[in-house]
Amino acid sequence: MKATYVSHELRRFWSALSSRGFKMRKPRVNRMVLAICLGSFVMVIFYFQINLKPAAAQGSDQTRILAKSRRSPLQTLYDTDPMELSPLQVMHQGRRELLEEACHSYTRKRRVLIPEDLKHVIVDDQHGLLYCYVPKVACTNWKRVLMVLTGGAGPERERRQPLQIPAHEAHVPGNLRTLSEYSTAEINQRLRGYLKFLFVREPFERLVSAYRNKFTRSYNTAFHKRYGTKIVRRQRPDARPEALERGDDVSFGEFVRYLVDPATQREEPFNEHWERVHSLCHPCLIHYDVVGKYETLEEDASYVLKLAGADGEVHFPASGKSTRTTGELAASYFKDISPVFQHKLYNLYRMDFLLFNYTMPSYLKVR
């Protein structure tokens, strides 16, 4: 094709010369000008021939490399024939559709994402994953898994399994990158091309789990000082001096009243352990491809790792806790909460119930 292109250009060149009346009978100086022009033109054509060939070859090499590269998790998820979906895939498709419908029904205004919205979205560039972590929904184990996958588990990564990583190490800032750390162009590219997933939990079970972990464990002195003393001061008339100083005996009723008090959020945002999922992960602004649930944790975690092609690299740790907060245990904490405060608390977490298809608990007295 290039030879044809060059000969065509030469013919055009000779034609142009002839039309301008260049003949062999012209003076010698004209013949010299003609020779110089012709020589220069041939050199330019030759230059482009030898330089375009490597570029074309390079482009074809890149195409071959891309063709041989593995499919992204996003392609793996959406390239499946709808008629060949497994029951698990159908379930996850249903969750996506329900979330989208709920967002459409209950969200009036849409806005542009800002970096502050993305501080909970962890990035795995090696596997094309974006994970929005929600405290009290197995986020420690998910961070451990991602540390192994991204190399954040250290140089001995190959020998290290998720549960070999101490829990406190999984939460150290800097071990994993969040989407808020990237430029706007890089954020958009990842939101378009990476598999986005989160894990959710029945809202009141999550809330009771947070209360038990942060206010009934003697080792959580930082939370007692930071939040417990404030709750006691605000919600307990005639509190003893030691309770005001230590904040280590907050009741669940006091915690509920603190949450529904309008002054609480005017003063500062909720702590992430009891912040609503829709405020942490913005599921009506970010299109999540997989909505995992704590109730089907192991099955959903395996599904995500398989989509990422990482199921051979790491296994999600099995839950061995016997102290897990169940619906029955959550009900026992709500039995002494008045219907008025139950209703206020439900309204506070209502969007999480609606977006993720959780029904109002039967133990509530607000019906």
Protein backbone atom coordinates (compact mmCIF):
# COMPACT_ATOMS: atom_id res chain seq x y z
CA MET A 1 0.00 0.00 0.00
CA LYS A 2 2.89 2.35 0.86
CA ALA A 3 4.64 1.59 -2.50
CA THR A 4 1.46 2.54 -4.37
CA TYR A 5 1.14 5.68 -2.26
CA VAL A 6 4.78 6.68 -3.03
CA SER A 7 4.54 6.00 -6.80
CA HIS A 8 1.30 7.98 -6.92
CA GLU A 9 3.01 10.90 -5.21
CA LEU A 10 5.95 10.70 -7.66
CA ARG A 11 3.59 10.77 -10.65
CA ARG A 12 1.85 13.80 -9.17
CA PHE A 13 5.24 15.44 -8.71
CA TRP A 14 6.37 14.83 -12.31
CA SER A 15 2.99 16.00 -13.61
CA ALA A 16 3.32 19.21 -11.65
CA LEU A 17 6.80 19.75 -13.02
CA SER A 18 5.66 19.19 -16.60
CA SER A 19 2.68 21.53 -16.20
CA ARG A 20 5.05 24.28 -15.15
CA GLY A 21 7.01 23.86 -18.39
CA PHE A 22 10.15 22.20 -17.06
CA LYS A 23 11.95 20.80 -20.13
CA MET A 24 15.39 19.34 -20.70
CA ARG A 25 16.19 22.34 -22.85
CA LYS A 26 16.02 24.70 -19.87
CA PRO A 27 19.24 26.25 -18.68
CA ARG A 28 21.57 24.19 -16.53
CA VAL A 29 20.61 26.00 -13.33
CA ASN A 30 16.99 24.90 -13.76
CA ARG A 31 18.11 21.32 -14.14
CA MET A 32 20.12 21.59 -10.92
CA VAL A 33 17.11 23.00 -9.04
CA LEU A 34 14.99 20.20 -10.44
CA ALA A 35 17.50 17.57 -9.32
CA ILE A 36 17.75 19.02 -5.81
CA CYS A 37 13.96 19.16 -5.42
CA LEU A 38 13.50 15.65 -6.69
CA GLY A 39 16.24 14.29 -4.44
CA SER A 40 14.77 16.03 -1.38
CA PHE A 41 11.30 14.70 -2.13
CA VAL A 42 12.57 11.11 -2.47
CA MET A 43 14.48 11.44 0.83
CA VAL A 44 11.32 12.64 2.64
CA ILE A 45 9.30 9.74 1.25
CA PHE A 46 12.04 7.28 2.24
CA TYR A 47 12.20 8.76 5.75
CA PHE A 48 8.48 8.30 6.33
CA GLN A 49 8.59 4.76 4.96
CA ILE A 50 11.27 3.56 7.37
CA ASN A 51 9.76 5.40 10.36
CA LEU A 52 6.15 4.46 9.85
CA LYS A 53 6.87 0.72 9.68
CA PRO A 54 8.08 0.37 13.30
CA ALA A 55 5.16 2.46 14.57
CA ALA A 56 2.68 0.27 12.77
CA ALA A 57 4.45 -2.83 13.98
CA GLN A 58 4.41 -1.47 17.54
CA GLY A 59 0.68 -0.77 17.30
CA SER A 60 -0.01 -4.30 16.13
CA ASP A 61 2.15 -5.68 18.95
CA GLN A 62 0.16 -3.70 21.50
CA THR A 63 -3.06 -5.01 20.01
CA ARG A 64 -1.79 -8.57 20.29
CA ILE A 65 -0.75 -8.00 23.93
CA LEU A 66 -4.16 -6.58 24.81
CA ALA A 67 -5.86 -9.46 23.06
CA LYS A 68 -3.86 -11.94 25.13
CA SER A 69 -4.39 -10.10 28.45
CA ARG A 70 -7.01 -11.42 30.85
CA ARG A 71 -10.47 -9.93 30.95
CA SER A 72 -11.15 -7.35 33.61
CA PRO A 73 -13.54 -8.21 36.47
CA LEU A 74 -16.02 -5.78 34.95
CA GLN A 75 -15.92 -7.61 31.60
CA THR A 76 -16.22 -10.96 33.34
CA LEU A 77 -19.33 -9.76 35.17
CA TYR A 78 -21.22 -8.17 32.29
CA ASP A 79 -20.12 -10.26 29.29
CA THR A 80 -22.07 -13.32 30.44
CA ASP A 81 -25.00 -14.35 28.27
CA PRO A 82 -28.19 -13.44 30.22
CA MET A 83 -29.62 -16.84 29.31
CA GLU A 84 -26.68 -18.60 30.99
CA LEU A 85 -26.66 -16.82 34.35
CA SER A 86 -26.23 -19.00 37.42
CA PRO A 87 -28.59 -18.59 40.41
CA LEU A 88 -25.83 -16.62 42.19
CA GLN A 89 -25.46 -14.27 39.22
CA VAL A 90 -29.21 -13.81 39.00
CA MET A 91 -29.32 -12.92 42.71
CA HIS A 92 -26.63 -10.27 42.31
CA GLN A 93 -28.30 -8.87 39.23
CA GLY A 94 -31.48 -8.57 41.29
CA ARG A 95 -29.63 -6.71 44.04
CA ARG A 96 -28.21 -4.23 41.53
CA GLU A 97 -31.63 -3.62 40.02
CA LEU A 98 -33.31 -3.18 43.41
CA LEU A 99 -30.66 -0.67 44.46
CA GLU A 100 -31.07 1.27 41.23
CA GLU A 101 -34.86 1.33 41.60
CA ALA A 102 -34.63 2.44 45.23
CA CYS A 103 -32.22 5.23 44.32
CA HIS A 104 -34.62 6.39 41.62
CA SER A 105 -37.59 6.26 43.99
CA TYR A 106 -36.09 7.81 47.12
CA THR A 107 -33.32 10.12 45.91
CA ARG A 108 -34.56 13.45 44.61
CA LYS A 109 -31.34 15.24 43.79
CA ARG A 110 -28.12 14.01 42.26
CA ARG A 111 -24.85 15.80 42.75
CA VAL A 112 -21.26 15.49 41.61
CA LEU A 113 -18.92 13.29 43.62
CA ILE A 114 -16.14 15.06 45.50
CA PRO A 115 -12.91 13.52 46.89
CA GLU A 116 -14.38 13.57 50.40
CA ASP A 117 -17.01 11.06 49.18
CA LEU A 118 -14.32 8.58 48.15
CA LYS A 119 -12.31 8.20 51.35
CA HIS A 120 -13.86 4.80 52.04
CA VAL A 121 -13.27 3.43 48.54
CA ILE A 122 -10.12 1.28 48.47
CA VAL A 123 -8.31 0.78 45.15
CA ASP A 124 -6.68 -2.40 43.85
CA ASP A 125 -5.05 -1.38 40.57
CA GLN A 126 -3.57 -4.82 40.01
CA HIS A 127 -6.95 -6.54 39.82
CA GLY A 128 -9.18 -3.64 38.78
CA LEU A 129 -11.21 -3.45 42.00
CA LEU A 130 -12.84 -0.64 44.00
CA TYR A 131 -14.09 -1.67 47.45
CA CYS A 132 -16.10 0.65 49.68
CA TYR A 133 -15.50 -0.53 53.22
CA VAL A 134 -18.25 -0.37 55.83
CA PRO A 135 -17.17 -0.86 59.46
CA LYS A 136 -18.85 -3.80 61.21
CA VAL A 137 -19.43 -5.58 57.90
CA ALA A 138 -16.27 -7.73 57.73
CA CYS A 139 -14.20 -4.77 56.59
CA THR A 140 -11.13 -5.86 58.59
CA ASN A 141 -10.96 -9.15 56.70
CA TRP A 142 -11.59 -7.43 53.37
CA LYS A 143 -8.72 -5.04 54.08
CA ARG A 144 -6.50 -7.99 54.95
CA VAL A 145 -7.42 -9.69 51.67
CA LEU A 146 -6.70 -6.54 49.66
CA MET A 147 -3.37 -6.08 51.44
CA VAL A 148 -2.39 -9.54 50.22
CA LEU A 149 -3.64 -8.85 46.68
CA THR A 150 -1.96 -5.43 46.35
CA GLY A 151 1.30 -6.33 48.10
CA GLY A 152 0.48 -4.22 51.13
CA ALA A 153 1.04 -7.26 53.33
CA GLY A 154 4.80 -6.80 52.95
CA PRO A 155 7.65 -8.53 51.09
CA GLU A 156 6.65 -11.92 52.51
CA ARG A 157 3.28 -11.60 50.77
CA GLU A 158 3.52 -15.02 49.12
CA ARG A 159 3.78 -16.71 52.51
CA ARG A 160 1.21 -14.54 54.23
CA GLN A 161 -2.47 -15.32 54.54
CA PRO A 162 -5.07 -12.67 55.48
CA LEU A 163 -5.49 -13.87 59.08
CA GLN A 164 -1.72 -13.61 59.61
CA ILE A 165 -2.09 -9.84 59.30
CA PRO A 166 -2.92 -8.29 62.71
CA ALA A 167 -6.28 -6.52 62.77
CA HIS A 168 -4.75 -3.18 63.78
CA GLU A 169 -2.33 -3.38 60.85
CA ALA A 170 -5.21 -3.71 58.39
CA HIS A 171 -6.49 -0.29 59.47
CA VAL A 172 -3.17 1.58 59.31
CA PRO A 173 -3.50 4.53 56.88
CA GLY A 174 -1.17 4.11 53.93
CA ASN A 175 -1.28 0.33 53.72
CA LEU A 176 -4.06 0.65 51.15
CA ARG A 177 -4.79 3.53 48.78
CA THR A 178 -8.22 5.13 48.61
CA LEU A 179 -9.82 6.63 45.52
CA SER A 180 -9.74 10.11 47.07
CA GLU A 181 -5.92 10.11 46.67
CA TYR A 182 -6.08 10.08 42.85
CA SER A 183 -6.50 12.91 40.35
CA THR A 184 -9.91 13.65 38.86
CA ALA A 185 -8.97 11.96 35.56
CA GLU A 186 -7.64 8.89 37.40
CA ILE A 187 -10.78 8.72 39.56
CA ASN A 188 -13.06 8.83 36.52
CA GLN A 189 -11.03 6.20 34.70
CA ARG A 190 -11.26 3.81 37.66
CA LEU A 191 -14.95 4.43 38.25
CA ARG A 192 -15.60 3.55 34.59
CA GLY A 193 -13.30 0.56 34.26
CA TYR A 194 -13.01 -1.15 37.65
CA LEU A 195 -15.38 -3.55 39.42
CA LYS A 196 -17.02 -1.61 42.25
CA PHE A 197 -18.33 -3.55 45.25
CA LEU A 198 -19.43 -3.07 48.84
CA PHE A 199 -20.80 -5.25 51.63
CA VAL A 200 -23.82 -4.27 53.70
CA ARG A 201 -25.63 -5.61 56.76
CA GLU A 202 -29.02 -5.38 58.43
CA PRO A 203 -28.76 -1.82 59.80
CA PHE A 204 -29.76 -2.44 63.41
CA GLU A 205 -27.63 -5.58 63.72
CA ARG A 206 -24.70 -3.49 62.51
CA LEU A 207 -25.58 -0.72 64.97
CA VAL A 208 -25.79 -3.08 67.95
CA SER A 209 -22.52 -4.68 66.86
CA ALA A 210 -20.86 -1.24 66.84
CA TYR A 211 -22.25 -0.42 70.28
CA ARG A 212 -21.06 -3.72 71.76
CA ASN A 213 -17.61 -3.37 70.25
CA LYS A 214 -16.95 0.26 71.08
CA PHE A 215 -18.75 0.77 74.39
CA THR A 216 -18.81 -2.57 76.22
CA ARG A 217 -15.20 -3.67 75.67
CA SER A 218 -12.76 -2.48 78.33
CA TYR A 219 -9.91 -2.12 75.84
CA ASN A 220 -11.66 0.57 73.77
CA THR A 221 -10.62 3.40 76.09
CA ALA A 222 -10.12 5.79 73.15
CA PHE A 223 -13.80 5.49 72.20
CA HIS A 224 -14.84 5.79 75.83
CA LYS A 225 -12.93 9.05 76.16
CA ARG A 226 -13.86 10.42 72.75
CA TYR A 227 -17.56 9.53 72.64
CA GLY A 228 -18.54 7.90 75.93
CA THR A 229 -17.82 10.93 78.09
CA LYS A 230 -19.75 13.14 75.66
CA ILE A 231 -22.78 10.80 75.67
CA VAL A 232 -22.81 10.57 79.46
CA ARG A 233 -22.55 14.34 79.83
CA ARG A 234 -25.38 14.96 77.39
CA GLN A 235 -27.75 12.07 78.12
CA ARG A 236 -27.31 11.28 81.84
CA PRO A 237 -28.59 13.79 84.38
CA ASP A 238 -26.60 13.90 87.65
CA ALA A 239 -23.86 11.62 86.27
CA ARG A 240 -21.14 10.61 88.71
CA PRO A 241 -17.74 12.33 88.30
CA GLU A 242 -15.99 9.05 87.43
CA ALA A 243 -18.55 8.33 84.68
CA LEU A 244 -18.05 11.81 83.24
CA GLU A 245 -14.32 11.26 83.29
CA ARG A 246 -14.12 7.70 81.97
CA GLY A 247 -17.24 7.27 79.78
CA ASP A 248 -16.96 3.49 79.96
CA ASP A 249 -20.49 2.61 81.06
CA VAL A 250 -22.71 4.07 78.31
CA SER A 251 -26.01 2.21 78.05
CA PHE A 252 -27.57 1.30 74.72
CA GLY A 253 -30.50 3.62 75.48
CA GLU A 254 -28.12 6.53 76.02
CA PHE A 255 -26.35 5.67 72.77
CA VAL A 256 -29.68 5.67 70.87
CA ARG A 257 -30.71 9.03 72.33
CA TYR A 258 -27.31 10.45 71.39
CA LEU A 259 -27.74 9.28 67.78
CA VAL A 260 -31.24 10.72 67.28
CA ASP A 261 -30.40 14.01 69.00
CA PRO A 262 -30.26 16.63 66.18
CA ALA A 263 -27.43 18.38 68.03
CA THR A 264 -25.16 15.37 67.49
CA GLN A 265 -24.84 15.74 63.71
CA ARG A 266 -24.80 19.52 63.93
CA GLU A 267 -21.76 19.21 66.12
CA GLU A 268 -19.82 16.73 63.96
CA PRO A 269 -20.39 13.88 61.47
CA PHE A 270 -21.17 10.43 62.80
CA ASN A 271 -18.25 8.15 63.48
CA GLU A 272 -17.80 5.67 60.63
CA HIS A 273 -18.79 2.73 62.85
CA TRP A 274 -22.37 3.98 63.12
CA GLU A 275 -22.57 6.21 60.06
CA ARG A 276 -25.20 5.11 57.54
CA VAL A 277 -23.92 3.04 54.61
CA HIS A 278 -25.47 5.41 52.07
CA SER A 279 -23.44 8.26 53.59
CA LEU A 280 -20.20 6.27 53.57
CA CYS A 281 -20.41 4.71 50.10
CA HIS A 282 -22.89 6.90 48.16
CA PRO A 283 -24.59 4.04 46.29
CA CYS A 284 -26.87 6.42 44.38
CA LEU A 285 -23.86 8.32 42.99
CA ILE A 286 -21.55 5.36 42.43
CA HIS A 287 -22.90 2.43 40.42
CA TYR A 288 -21.86 -0.62 42.44
CA ASP A 289 -21.51 -3.77 40.38
CA VAL A 290 -21.68 -6.17 43.33
CA VAL A 291 -23.68 -5.61 46.51
CA GLY A 292 -22.47 -8.22 48.96
CA LYS A 293 -24.31 -8.92 52.18
CA TYR A 294 -23.07 -9.95 55.60
CA GLU A 295 -25.81 -12.56 55.68
CA THR A 296 -24.23 -14.32 52.66
CA LEU A 297 -20.67 -13.16 53.33
CA GLU A 298 -18.59 -16.18 52.35
CA GLU A 299 -20.55 -16.90 49.18
CA ASP A 300 -20.46 -13.26 48.04
CA ALA A 301 -16.79 -12.81 48.93
CA SER A 302 -15.87 -15.87 46.87
CA TYR A 303 -17.92 -14.47 43.98
CA VAL A 304 -15.97 -11.17 44.02
CA LEU A 305 -12.60 -12.91 44.19
CA LYS A 306 -13.57 -15.20 41.31
CA LEU A 307 -14.62 -12.21 39.18
CA ALA A 308 -11.24 -10.62 39.92
CA GLY A 309 -9.41 -13.81 38.94
CA ALA A 310 -7.91 -13.84 42.43
CA ASP A 311 -9.63 -16.91 43.85
CA GLY A 312 -6.42 -18.86 43.32
CA GLU A 313 -4.33 -16.23 45.12
CA VAL A 314 -6.23 -15.78 48.35
CA HIS A 315 -9.27 -17.09 50.20
CA PHE A 316 -11.60 -14.92 52.22
CA PRO A 317 -11.30 -15.88 55.92
CA ALA A 318 -14.16 -17.91 57.29
CA SER A 319 -16.02 -16.32 60.16
CA GLY A 320 -15.31 -18.17 63.39
CA LYS A 321 -16.85 -15.72 65.83
CA SER A 322 -19.32 -17.16 68.30
CA THR A 323 -20.16 -13.66 69.60
CA ARG A 324 -21.61 -12.41 66.33
CA THR A 325 -24.50 -9.96 66.67
CA THR A 326 -27.61 -11.72 65.36
CA GLY A 327 -31.14 -10.47 64.87
CA GLU A 328 -32.18 -12.18 68.08
CA LEU A 329 -29.41 -10.48 70.03
CA ALA A 330 -30.25 -7.10 68.46
CA ALA A 331 -33.87 -7.55 69.53
CA SER A 332 -32.79 -7.97 73.14
CA TYR A 333 -31.09 -4.57 73.05
CA PHE A 334 -34.20 -2.87 71.64
CA LYS A 335 -36.69 -4.26 74.15
CA ASP A 336 -36.06 -1.39 76.60
CA ILE A 337 -36.07 1.35 73.93
CA SER A 338 -39.34 3.28 73.86
CA PRO A 339 -41.45 3.21 70.66
CA VAL A 340 -40.80 6.93 70.19
CA PHE A 341 -37.02 6.46 70.06
CA GLN A 342 -37.33 3.27 68.04
CA HIS A 343 -39.28 5.25 65.45
CA LYS A 344 -36.72 8.07 65.43
CA LEU A 345 -33.87 5.61 65.06
CA TYR A 346 -35.59 3.78 62.21
CA ASN A 347 -36.10 7.08 60.38
CA LEU A 348 -32.40 7.83 60.85
CA TYR A 349 -31.38 4.55 59.17
CA ARG A 350 -34.40 4.27 56.87
CA MET A 351 -32.46 4.78 53.63
CA ASP A 352 -30.15 1.87 54.42
CA PHE A 353 -33.19 -0.36 54.95
CA LEU A 354 -34.75 0.77 51.66
CA LEU A 355 -31.66 0.83 49.43
CA PHE A 356 -30.45 -2.63 50.40
CA ASN A 357 -33.84 -4.34 50.68
CA TYR A 358 -34.00 -4.92 54.43
CA THR A 359 -37.42 -5.03 56.06
CA MET A 360 -38.31 -3.25 59.27
CA PRO A 361 -37.44 -5.61 62.16
CA SER A 362 -40.44 -7.37 63.65
CA TYR A 363 -39.30 -6.54 67.19
CA LEU A 364 -39.83 -2.79 66.68
CA LYS A 365 -42.91 -1.30 68.33
CA VAL A 366 -43.56 1.36 65.72
CA ARG A 367 -46.05 -0.41 63.43
